[in-house]
Amino acid sequence: MTEKAVKEPGAFAPFEWLLAFRYLRARRKKGSVSVIAFFCVLGIALGVATLIIVLSVMNGFRKELFDKILGLNGHVIVRPLARPFTDYDEVAKRLNAVKGVDHALAVVEGQVMISSQNGSSGVIVRGLKGRDLQALKSISGNIRFGTLDGFDDSGGIAIGTRLANTLNVFVGSEVTLLAPKGASTPFGTAPRVKRYRIAAVFEMGMSEYDGSIAFMPMKEAQGFFNLGEAVHVLEVVIDNPDNVERMRGVLQDAGGPDMLLTDWRQRNATFYNTLKVERNVMFIIVMLIVLVATLNIISGLTMLVKNKGRDIAVLRTMGATRGAVMRVFFISGTSIGLIGTLVGVILGVLISLHLEDIRQLVSWLTNTHLFDPSVYFLSSLPSQLDPSEVIVVVVIALLLSMGATIYPALQAARLDPVEALRYE
């Protein structure tokens, strides 16, 4: 009579999963293990959620600031080296013909003092043609009062809401502009002073620009700054700002050999690099929270191994292999990490998608002004969720959780059943 071979269960057999989840549940007076498991899940969830929220806010800040800064100033600045820029229409036509260029607009720019009967402030005046100002969606799409229709012939100017509040003026009010460089006289250069009507009031949402920039019709600005038919620069807006380095040579050829090109990376190098460094540092700091939470898995599983020493010994005497015992505790620890990561992702995504609503709710409940635009330059709390970053966070959290289970799982597998039963 031949004995039938007994088929051994393979790796991650059903009984291993059953034991793993049973060990995580509280039973009689040994509920401390499940309590530790709960706090491990909570710690990982909070760490993952915090990391997702922080990255979303950093992405939101970067997008909002870059959209507003680049949306107002253009991606490439073109100016002649040593002559008045009178042929700007021809140069703009050549630049507009370059593939990847959205538009090129001529700009006159100068610093002036603006005043009303109720206040005064220093501002930057930018002279643009009406159609070019309409192309700046950050301005034309955010007109709060008045209109930009007929801007070239209106004889008026457009200012931001914060500047309007500072001067206590509104659409139709008159303000005085004073430029230090005016007409030349036998006694020197006299300042130029002229009154203008407020034609429109805009609100970009960036307090620095809403309080320090005014727009004037091109012809009026050329006369006010004594430029004749010249302009100061051409600002080129391209379809993808990240391609500016690749397009630089083509734009230089289109502009001409005597044109000096300055792109947004050069003009905002310090700002751009600071944002990049801050984002990387915040990622590392918050990732340490996830690391600490996953390390709690080690202490929780170590206590579980101590509490289940007799059970492990019985399993070993009944034929369970070291690998089976190790996999039981590996499943337990990985389950904690998986549940914590899943809860953290759901919490982090929900908060990131409704961050501004939460800010407004907290402000209303506490009767305080959170995220003051005069301090943070933006009027709302920005948030941009990047799915690829969420995936990276999930992968890192799961890898850390799995890594934390290795030591206690090996400790359980090495437990000598004879010694465990002897001292029970």
Protein backbone atom coordinates (compact mmCIF):
# COMPACT_ATOMS: atom_id res chain seq x y z
CA MET A 1 0.00 0.00 0.00
CA THR A 2 1.57 3.26 -1.11
CA GLU A 3 1.27 6.41 0.88
CA LYS A 4 -0.23 9.34 -0.92
CA ALA A 5 2.00 12.41 -0.95
CA VAL A 6 0.59 15.20 1.12
CA LYS A 7 0.41 18.41 -0.86
CA GLU A 8 1.91 21.25 1.13
CA PRO A 9 0.21 24.63 0.95
CA GLY A 10 2.06 27.19 -1.15
CA ALA A 11 3.28 30.61 -0.16
CA PHE A 12 0.63 33.04 1.11
CA ALA A 13 -1.83 30.23 1.69
CA PRO A 14 -5.34 31.05 3.01
CA PHE A 15 -4.46 30.00 6.58
CA GLU A 16 -1.59 32.53 6.60
CA TRP A 17 -3.97 35.35 5.69
CA LEU A 18 -6.47 34.10 8.29
CA LEU A 19 -3.85 34.10 11.07
CA ALA A 20 -2.44 37.48 10.02
CA PHE A 21 -5.78 39.28 10.26
CA ARG A 22 -6.80 37.40 13.43
CA TYR A 23 -3.59 38.49 15.16
CA LEU A 24 -4.42 42.15 14.45
CA ARG A 25 -7.80 41.90 16.21
CA ALA A 26 -8.18 42.44 19.96
CA ARG A 27 -8.91 39.31 21.95
CA ARG A 28 -9.68 39.14 25.65
CA LYS A 29 -7.09 41.10 27.63
CA LYS A 30 -4.53 41.31 24.82
CA GLY A 31 -6.06 44.27 23.07
CA SER A 32 -2.88 46.36 23.29
CA VAL A 33 -1.64 44.93 19.98
CA SER A 34 -4.73 46.06 18.09
CA VAL A 35 -4.48 49.50 19.73
CA ILE A 36 -0.89 49.82 18.55
CA ALA A 37 -1.96 48.66 15.09
CA PHE A 38 -4.68 51.33 15.05
CA PHE A 39 -2.21 54.10 15.90
CA CYS A 40 0.20 52.77 13.30
CA VAL A 41 -2.56 53.04 10.69
CA LEU A 42 -3.47 56.52 11.95
CA GLY A 43 0.15 57.69 11.86
CA ILE A 44 0.75 56.47 8.33
CA ALA A 45 -2.58 57.91 7.16
CA LEU A 46 -1.81 61.35 8.61
CA GLY A 47 1.73 61.29 7.22
CA VAL A 48 0.60 60.35 3.71
CA ALA A 49 -2.27 62.86 3.78
CA THR A 50 0.04 65.65 5.00
CA LEU A 51 2.58 64.88 2.28
CA ILE A 52 -0.08 64.98 -0.45
CA ILE A 53 -1.53 68.24 0.88
CA VAL A 54 1.88 69.92 1.19
CA LEU A 55 2.89 68.92 -2.35
CA SER A 56 -0.47 70.11 -3.69
CA VAL A 57 -0.12 73.50 -2.00
CA MET A 58 3.46 73.89 -3.24
CA ASN A 59 2.32 73.01 -6.77
CA GLY A 60 -0.58 75.45 -6.43
CA PHE A 61 1.70 78.26 -5.31
CA ARG A 62 4.09 77.59 -8.18
CA LYS A 63 1.32 77.52 -10.77
CA GLU A 64 -0.48 80.62 -9.47
CA LEU A 65 2.68 82.71 -9.11
CA PHE A 66 4.08 81.63 -12.46
CA ASP A 67 0.76 82.14 -14.24
CA LYS A 68 0.44 85.63 -12.85
CA ILE A 69 4.09 86.67 -13.21
CA LEU A 70 4.59 85.17 -16.66
CA GLY A 71 1.06 86.02 -17.76
CA LEU A 72 1.79 89.68 -17.17
CA ASN A 73 5.43 89.97 -18.26
CA GLY A 74 5.76 87.48 -21.10
CA HIS A 75 8.18 84.58 -21.43
CA VAL A 76 10.91 86.27 -23.51
CA ILE A 77 11.87 89.95 -23.47
CA VAL A 78 13.30 91.32 -26.74
CA ARG A 79 15.06 94.71 -26.97
CA PRO A 80 17.67 96.32 -29.25
CA LEU A 81 21.20 96.69 -27.93
CA ALA A 82 21.99 100.35 -28.58
CA ARG A 83 19.28 102.14 -30.54
CA PRO A 84 15.69 103.30 -30.18
CA PHE A 85 13.24 100.47 -30.76
CA THR A 86 11.21 101.99 -33.60
CA ASP A 87 10.88 98.92 -35.88
CA TYR A 88 9.02 96.89 -33.27
CA ASP A 89 6.10 96.13 -35.60
CA GLU A 90 8.40 94.42 -38.12
CA VAL A 91 10.24 92.47 -35.41
CA ALA A 92 6.92 91.44 -33.81
CA LYS A 93 5.67 90.20 -37.19
CA ARG A 94 8.75 87.98 -37.62
CA LEU A 95 8.48 86.65 -34.07
CA ASN A 96 4.77 85.87 -34.46
CA ALA A 97 5.64 83.74 -37.50
CA VAL A 98 7.82 81.42 -35.36
CA LYS A 99 6.17 78.09 -34.58
CA GLY A 100 5.32 77.87 -30.87
CA VAL A 101 4.91 81.65 -30.38
CA ASP A 102 1.45 82.68 -29.20
CA HIS A 103 1.92 86.41 -29.62
CA ALA A 104 4.46 89.23 -29.31
CA LEU A 105 3.38 92.59 -27.94
CA ALA A 106 5.11 95.95 -27.72
CA VAL A 107 5.42 97.54 -24.28
CA VAL A 108 6.33 100.97 -22.96
CA GLU A 109 7.17 100.84 -19.27
CA GLY A 110 8.16 103.42 -16.67
CA GLN A 111 7.90 104.27 -12.99
CA VAL A 112 5.68 107.17 -11.95
CA MET A 113 3.98 108.66 -8.94
CA ILE A 114 0.19 108.40 -9.04
CA SER A 115 -1.93 110.54 -6.74
CA SER A 116 -5.50 111.53 -6.03
CA GLN A 117 -7.15 113.82 -3.51
CA ASN A 118 -7.10 110.95 -1.00
CA GLY A 119 -3.64 109.44 -1.38
CA SER A 120 -0.60 108.70 -3.52
CA SER A 121 1.58 105.74 -4.44
CA GLY A 122 4.47 104.74 -6.67
CA VAL A 123 3.44 102.53 -9.60
CA ILE A 124 4.78 101.02 -12.80
CA VAL A 125 2.93 102.23 -15.89
CA ARG A 126 2.80 99.85 -18.84
CA GLY A 127 1.74 101.22 -22.20
CA LEU A 128 0.07 98.67 -24.51
CA LYS A 129 -2.17 98.68 -27.54
CA GLY A 130 -5.79 97.86 -26.82
CA ARG A 131 -5.69 94.52 -28.66
CA ASP A 132 -2.51 93.50 -26.82
CA LEU A 133 -4.06 94.34 -23.46
CA GLN A 134 -7.09 92.24 -24.42
CA ALA A 135 -4.66 89.36 -25.17
CA LEU A 136 -3.44 89.46 -21.57
CA LYS A 137 -6.16 87.26 -20.09
CA SER A 138 -4.83 87.82 -16.57
CA ILE A 139 -5.97 91.45 -17.00
CA SER A 140 -8.78 91.45 -19.56
CA GLY A 141 -10.37 88.39 -17.95
CA ASN A 142 -10.40 89.99 -14.50
CA ILE A 143 -11.95 93.42 -15.07
CA ARG A 144 -14.07 94.21 -12.00
CA PHE A 145 -15.28 97.69 -12.93
CA GLY A 146 -15.34 99.64 -16.18
CA THR A 147 -14.30 98.26 -19.59
CA LEU A 148 -11.31 97.95 -21.91
CA ASP A 149 -13.44 98.56 -25.03
CA GLY A 150 -12.02 101.44 -27.03
CA PHE A 151 -8.98 101.56 -24.72
CA ASP A 152 -6.67 103.06 -27.41
CA ASP A 153 -8.85 106.16 -27.77
CA SER A 154 -10.22 106.36 -24.24
CA GLY A 155 -7.46 108.56 -22.89
CA GLY A 156 -7.84 106.73 -19.59
CA ILE A 157 -5.86 104.15 -17.62
CA ALA A 158 -6.59 100.80 -15.97
CA ILE A 159 -5.50 100.16 -12.38
CA GLY A 160 -5.75 97.31 -9.86
CA THR A 161 -8.25 97.03 -7.03
CA ARG A 162 -5.69 97.50 -4.26
CA LEU A 163 -4.35 100.64 -5.91
CA ALA A 164 -7.91 101.92 -6.33
CA ASN A 165 -8.53 101.32 -2.63
CA THR A 166 -5.27 103.05 -1.69
CA LEU A 167 -6.19 106.13 -3.74
CA ASN A 168 -9.89 105.83 -2.85
CA VAL A 169 -10.92 106.23 -6.50
CA PHE A 170 -13.36 104.47 -8.83
CA VAL A 171 -14.18 104.32 -12.54
CA GLY A 172 -14.56 107.86 -13.85
CA SER A 173 -12.35 109.43 -11.15
CA GLU A 174 -9.27 111.40 -12.18
CA VAL A 175 -5.73 110.79 -10.96
CA THR A 176 -2.47 112.63 -11.52
CA LEU A 177 0.61 110.92 -12.92
CA LEU A 178 4.05 112.43 -12.30
CA ALA A 179 7.14 111.19 -14.14
CA PRO A 180 10.58 112.45 -13.05
CA LYS A 181 11.84 112.71 -16.63
CA GLY A 182 9.84 115.16 -18.71
CA ALA A 183 10.62 118.00 -21.09
CA SER A 184 14.13 119.47 -21.23
CA THR A 185 14.36 123.15 -20.28
CA PRO A 186 17.24 125.63 -19.89
CA PHE A 187 17.05 124.92 -16.18
CA GLY A 188 17.23 121.13 -16.60
CA THR A 189 14.71 118.33 -17.04
CA ALA A 190 11.29 119.21 -15.72
CA PRO A 191 9.01 116.44 -14.38
CA ARG A 192 6.00 115.57 -16.51
CA VAL A 193 2.59 115.86 -14.84
CA LYS A 194 -0.71 114.88 -16.42
CA ARG A 195 -4.20 113.92 -15.27
CA TYR A 196 -5.95 110.76 -16.46
CA ARG A 197 -9.39 109.26 -15.99
CA ILE A 198 -9.85 105.76 -14.53
CA ALA A 199 -11.27 103.67 -17.39
CA ALA A 200 -11.17 100.21 -15.75
CA VAL A 201 -10.29 98.47 -12.49
CA PHE A 202 -8.90 94.91 -12.59
CA GLU A 203 -8.10 92.29 -9.96
CA MET A 204 -5.45 89.71 -10.86
CA GLY A 205 -5.58 88.09 -7.42
CA MET A 206 -1.91 88.89 -6.73
CA SER A 207 -1.77 91.79 -4.31
CA GLU A 208 1.67 92.96 -5.44
CA TYR A 209 0.43 93.56 -8.98
CA ASP A 210 -3.06 94.77 -8.03
CA GLY A 211 -1.47 97.56 -6.01
CA SER A 212 1.51 98.64 -8.12
CA ILE A 213 0.72 98.41 -11.86
CA ALA A 214 -1.32 100.64 -14.16
CA PHE A 215 -1.99 100.26 -17.89
CA MET A 216 -2.05 103.14 -20.38
CA PRO A 217 -2.78 103.29 -24.14
CA MET A 218 0.39 102.85 -26.21
CA LYS A 219 0.31 106.24 -27.98
CA GLU A 220 -0.38 108.03 -24.72
CA ALA A 221 2.51 106.22 -22.98
CA GLN A 222 4.93 107.05 -25.82
CA GLY A 223 4.10 110.71 -25.45
CA PHE A 224 4.16 110.67 -21.65
CA PHE A 225 7.65 109.14 -21.56
CA ASN A 226 9.02 111.17 -24.52
CA LEU A 227 9.71 108.12 -26.70
CA GLY A 228 8.30 109.40 -29.97
CA GLU A 229 7.48 106.35 -32.13
CA ALA A 230 9.69 103.95 -30.13
CA VAL A 231 8.87 101.40 -27.45
CA HIS A 232 10.99 99.91 -24.71
CA VAL A 233 10.66 96.16 -25.35
CA LEU A 234 8.76 93.40 -27.10
CA GLU A 235 7.35 90.72 -24.82
CA VAL A 236 6.96 87.29 -26.45
CA VAL A 237 4.50 84.73 -25.09
CA ILE A 238 5.13 81.13 -26.16
CA ASP A 239 2.80 78.13 -25.97
CA ASN A 240 4.93 76.19 -23.47
CA PRO A 241 7.19 78.24 -21.15
CA ASP A 242 9.30 75.15 -20.39
CA ASN A 243 10.42 75.11 -24.05
CA VAL A 244 11.94 78.57 -23.83
CA GLU A 245 15.53 77.31 -23.84
CA ARG A 246 14.93 75.17 -26.95
CA MET A 247 13.25 78.07 -28.80
CA ARG A 248 15.80 80.69 -27.84
CA GLY A 249 17.96 80.23 -30.96
CA VAL A 250 14.98 80.38 -33.33
CA LEU A 251 13.68 83.53 -31.64
CA GLN A 252 17.12 85.14 -31.85
CA ASP A 253 17.29 84.46 -35.59
CA ALA A 254 13.78 85.88 -36.10
CA GLY A 255 14.46 88.95 -33.98
CA GLY A 256 17.76 89.87 -35.60
CA PRO A 257 21.46 89.92 -34.62
CA ASP A 258 21.21 93.26 -32.78
CA MET A 259 18.41 92.08 -30.47
CA LEU A 260 19.04 91.10 -26.85
CA LEU A 261 16.83 88.25 -25.55
CA THR A 262 16.10 87.61 -21.88
CA ASP A 263 13.85 84.70 -20.92
CA TRP A 264 11.74 84.19 -17.80
CA ARG A 265 14.23 81.75 -16.27
CA GLN A 266 16.95 84.39 -16.28
CA ARG A 267 14.70 87.13 -14.91
CA ASN A 268 13.23 84.93 -12.17
CA ALA A 269 16.17 82.58 -11.52
CA THR A 270 16.32 83.21 -7.78
CA PHE A 271 12.57 82.91 -7.35
CA TYR A 272 12.36 79.76 -9.50
CA ASN A 273 15.27 78.03 -7.71
CA THR A 274 13.91 79.00 -4.29
CA LEU A 275 10.55 77.41 -5.02
CA LYS A 276 12.28 74.26 -6.27
CA VAL A 277 14.50 73.97 -3.18
CA GLU A 278 11.58 74.65 -0.80
CA ARG A 279 9.49 71.98 -2.48
CA ASN A 280 12.24 69.36 -2.25
CA VAL A 281 12.99 70.20 1.39
CA MET A 282 9.31 70.05 2.35
CA PHE A 283 9.03 66.66 0.64
CA ILE A 284 11.93 65.31 2.69
CA ILE A 285 10.67 66.78 5.97
CA VAL A 286 7.13 65.46 5.60
CA MET A 287 8.41 62.10 4.37
CA LEU A 288 10.12 61.76 7.75
CA ILE A 289 6.63 61.77 9.30
CA VAL A 290 5.71 58.78 7.16
CA LEU A 291 9.02 57.10 8.08
CA VAL A 292 8.39 57.54 11.82
CA ALA A 293 4.86 56.16 11.41
CA THR A 294 6.13 53.10 9.56
CA LEU A 295 8.76 52.50 12.23
CA ASN A 296 5.89 52.08 14.67
CA ILE A 297 5.02 48.96 12.72
CA ILE A 298 8.27 47.42 13.99
CA SER A 299 7.35 48.01 17.63
CA GLY A 300 3.77 46.83 17.06
CA LEU A 301 4.80 43.60 15.33
CA THR A 302 7.58 42.98 17.86
CA MET A 303 5.01 43.11 20.66
CA LEU A 304 2.77 40.86 18.59
CA VAL A 305 5.58 38.30 18.27
CA LYS A 306 6.12 38.38 22.04
CA ASN A 307 2.40 37.94 22.75
CA LYS A 308 2.01 35.16 20.21
CA GLY A 309 5.12 33.18 21.14
CA ARG A 310 3.14 30.15 22.29
CA ASP A 311 0.95 30.24 19.16
CA ILE A 312 4.05 30.35 16.96
CA ALA A 313 5.54 27.38 18.81
CA VAL A 314 2.36 25.35 18.38
CA LEU A 315 2.24 26.19 14.68
CA ARG A 316 5.83 25.09 14.25
CA THR A 317 5.22 21.77 16.04
CA MET A 318 2.19 21.19 13.81
CA GLY A 319 4.36 21.52 10.72
CA ALA A 320 4.28 25.19 9.83
CA THR A 321 7.54 26.23 8.20
CA ARG A 322 9.67 29.22 9.14
CA GLY A 323 8.63 30.81 5.85
CA ALA A 324 4.95 30.43 6.69
CA VAL A 325 5.43 32.07 10.10
CA MET A 326 7.42 34.88 8.52
CA ARG A 327 4.73 35.47 5.90
CA VAL A 328 2.00 35.67 8.56
CA PHE A 329 3.70 38.64 10.22
CA PHE A 330 4.72 40.12 6.89
CA ILE A 331 1.04 40.16 5.87
CA SER A 332 0.07 41.73 9.21
CA GLY A 333 2.57 44.58 8.89
CA THR A 334 1.93 45.17 5.21
CA SER A 335 -1.83 45.28 5.85
CA ILE A 336 -1.29 48.04 8.39
CA GLY A 337 0.77 50.02 5.86
CA LEU A 338 -1.70 49.40 3.04
CA ILE A 339 -4.75 50.47 5.06
CA GLY A 340 -2.95 53.52 6.43
CA THR A 341 -1.74 54.55 2.97
CA LEU A 342 -5.21 54.09 1.44
CA VAL A 343 -6.88 56.16 4.17
CA GLY A 344 -4.15 58.82 3.86
CA VAL A 345 -4.55 59.08 0.09
CA ILE A 346 -8.33 59.48 0.34
CA LEU A 347 -7.99 62.09 3.10
CA GLY A 348 -5.18 63.97 1.35
CA VAL A 349 -6.93 64.08 -2.02
CA LEU A 350 -10.23 65.25 -0.54
CA ILE A 351 -8.57 68.04 1.46
CA SER A 352 -6.38 69.10 -1.50
CA LEU A 353 -9.42 69.38 -3.79
CA HIS A 354 -11.37 71.49 -1.27
CA LEU A 355 -8.55 73.39 0.44
CA GLU A 356 -9.85 76.86 -0.36
CA ASP A 357 -13.35 75.93 0.85
CA ILE A 358 -11.85 74.64 4.10
CA ARG A 359 -9.86 77.88 4.51
CA GLN A 360 -12.99 79.98 4.07
CA LEU A 361 -14.91 77.78 6.52
CA VAL A 362 -12.18 78.06 9.18
CA SER A 363 -12.00 81.83 8.63
CA TRP A 364 -15.75 82.09 9.10
CA LEU A 365 -15.80 79.87 12.20
CA THR A 366 -12.88 81.66 13.89
CA ASN A 367 -13.79 85.13 12.58
CA THR A 368 -10.19 85.64 11.44
CA HIS A 369 -8.58 86.45 8.11
CA LEU A 370 -6.51 83.38 7.27
CA PHE A 371 -4.03 83.68 4.41
CA ASP A 372 -3.86 87.48 4.29
CA PRO A 373 -3.18 88.51 0.65
CA SER A 374 -1.02 91.42 1.78
CA VAL A 375 1.39 88.88 3.30
CA TYR A 376 1.17 85.97 0.86
CA PHE A 377 0.66 88.03 -2.35
CA LEU A 378 -2.26 85.78 -3.42
CA SER A 379 -5.92 86.30 -2.56
CA SER A 380 -6.75 82.59 -2.19
CA LEU A 381 -5.02 79.42 -0.99
CA PRO A 382 -3.96 77.59 -4.17
CA SER A 383 -3.82 73.81 -4.53
CA GLN A 384 -2.98 71.68 -7.57
CA LEU A 385 -3.12 67.90 -7.25
CA ASP A 386 -0.58 66.01 -9.36
CA PRO A 387 -1.60 62.34 -9.89
CA SER A 388 1.99 61.28 -10.60
CA GLU A 389 3.13 62.66 -7.25
CA VAL A 390 0.30 60.86 -5.47
CA ILE A 391 1.49 57.61 -7.04
CA VAL A 392 5.06 58.29 -5.90
CA VAL A 393 3.86 58.95 -2.35
CA VAL A 394 1.83 55.72 -2.33
CA VAL A 395 4.77 53.66 -3.62
CA ILE A 396 7.20 55.12 -1.07
CA ALA A 397 4.76 54.64 1.83
CA LEU A 398 4.13 51.01 0.85
CA LEU A 399 7.84 50.27 0.43
CA LEU A 400 8.60 51.76 3.86
CA SER A 401 5.76 49.74 5.38
CA MET A 402 7.00 46.51 3.82
CA GLY A 403 10.56 47.25 4.90
CA ALA A 404 9.42 47.80 8.50
CA THR A 405 7.92 44.29 8.66
CA ILE A 406 11.13 42.46 7.76
CA TYR A 407 12.83 42.51 11.18
CA PRO A 408 9.84 41.38 13.33
CA ALA A 409 8.85 38.78 10.69
CA LEU A 410 12.36 37.31 10.75
CA GLN A 411 12.30 37.39 14.55
CA ALA A 412 9.08 35.36 14.55
CA ALA A 413 10.47 32.86 12.03
CA ARG A 414 13.61 32.29 14.13
CA LEU A 415 11.66 31.62 17.32
CA ASP A 416 12.59 28.22 18.78
CA PRO A 417 9.35 26.34 19.57
CA VAL A 418 11.00 24.34 22.39
CA GLU A 419 12.20 27.46 24.17
CA ALA A 420 8.87 29.22 23.60
CA LEU A 421 6.86 26.35 25.15
CA ARG A 422 9.31 25.82 27.99
CA TYR A 423 8.92 29.31 29.40
CA GLU A 424 5.15 29.65 28.85
